[in-house]
Amino acid sequence: SATEQMERKLLTKRGSEEYKKRSQTIEPVFGQIKSCRGIDSFYGRELHAAKGEWNLICGTHNLLKLFAMTQAVRN
């Protein structure tokens, strides 16, 4: 299962070091999406619908970051 694979990965030194980076790289994005944008669930009930919705959420997150960076450069 996926849980067992993750447990095995965390037992290795490299795996645990990579997982520690998660709090600095991935988790802030989840927090921004959930709290700042108010997205805490999916509307689609099936997996393919949820994946499509997640892709849109991530795409808009990246576009907003890009827009903010271009505005900062202009000012």
Protein backbone atom coordinates (compact mmCIF):
# COMPACT_ATOMS: atom_id res chain seq x y z
CA SER A 1 0.00 0.00 0.00
CA ALA A 2 1.00 3.65 -0.27
CA THR A 3 1.30 3.90 3.50
CA GLU A 4 3.69 0.97 3.67
CA GLN A 5 5.80 2.40 0.83
CA MET A 6 6.06 5.72 2.67
CA GLU A 7 7.00 4.00 5.92
CA ARG A 8 9.80 2.12 4.15
CA LYS A 9 11.01 5.32 2.51
CA LEU A 10 11.11 7.16 5.83
CA LEU A 11 13.29 4.45 7.32
CA THR A 12 16.12 5.42 4.95
CA LYS A 13 18.33 8.42 5.67
CA ARG A 14 17.69 9.97 2.25
CA GLY A 15 13.95 9.46 2.55
CA SER A 16 13.72 11.11 5.94
CA GLU A 17 15.85 14.06 4.77
CA GLU A 18 13.61 14.56 1.74
CA TYR A 19 10.50 14.40 3.91
CA LYS A 20 11.88 17.09 6.23
CA LYS A 21 12.06 19.47 3.24
CA ARG A 22 8.31 19.05 2.74
CA SER A 23 7.51 21.50 5.53
CA GLN A 24 9.45 24.22 3.71
CA THR A 25 8.44 23.45 0.13
CA ILE A 26 5.00 21.89 -0.16
CA GLU A 27 3.13 22.52 3.08
CA PRO A 28 3.08 26.35 2.75
CA VAL A 29 1.34 25.97 -0.61
CA PHE A 30 -1.33 23.72 0.90
CA GLY A 31 -1.81 26.24 3.69
CA GLN A 32 -2.20 29.13 1.26
CA ILE A 33 -4.69 27.22 -0.85
CA LYS A 34 -6.73 26.10 2.15
CA SER A 35 -6.72 29.23 4.31
CA CYS A 36 -6.13 32.20 2.02
CA ARG A 37 -8.24 30.96 -0.88
CA GLY A 38 -10.77 29.06 1.21
CA ILE A 39 -10.51 25.80 -0.69
CA ASP A 40 -10.86 22.86 1.65
CA SER A 41 -12.76 20.28 -0.38
CA PHE A 42 -13.45 19.17 -3.94
CA TYR A 43 -16.78 19.42 -5.72
CA GLY A 44 -16.26 16.39 -7.94
CA ARG A 45 -17.08 13.03 -6.44
CA GLU A 46 -14.93 10.89 -8.70
CA LEU A 47 -11.16 10.73 -8.70
CA HIS A 48 -10.74 12.11 -12.23
CA ALA A 49 -12.97 15.08 -11.35
CA ALA A 50 -10.97 15.79 -8.19
CA LYS A 51 -7.70 15.55 -10.13
CA GLY A 52 -8.99 18.00 -12.71
CA GLU A 53 -10.13 20.39 -10.02
CA TRP A 54 -6.78 20.10 -8.23
CA ASN A 55 -4.95 20.91 -11.48
CA LEU A 56 -7.06 24.06 -11.86
CA ILE A 57 -6.44 25.06 -8.25
CA CYS A 58 -2.67 24.61 -8.64
CA GLY A 59 -2.67 26.41 -11.97
CA THR A 60 -4.45 29.43 -10.55
CA HIS A 61 -2.12 29.39 -7.53
CA ASN A 62 0.89 29.53 -9.86
CA LEU A 63 -0.67 32.25 -12.02
CA LEU A 64 -1.37 34.37 -8.93
CA LYS A 65 2.24 33.97 -7.81
CA LEU A 66 3.49 34.91 -11.28
CA PHE A 67 1.21 37.96 -11.36
CA ALA A 68 2.43 39.09 -7.93
CA MET A 69 6.07 38.73 -9.02
CA THR A 70 5.54 40.74 -12.21
CA GLN A 71 3.79 43.48 -10.22
CA ALA A 72 6.70 43.61 -7.77
CA VAL A 73 9.19 43.95 -10.63
CA ARG A 74 7.18 46.80 -12.19
CA ASN A 75 7.08 48.74 -8.93
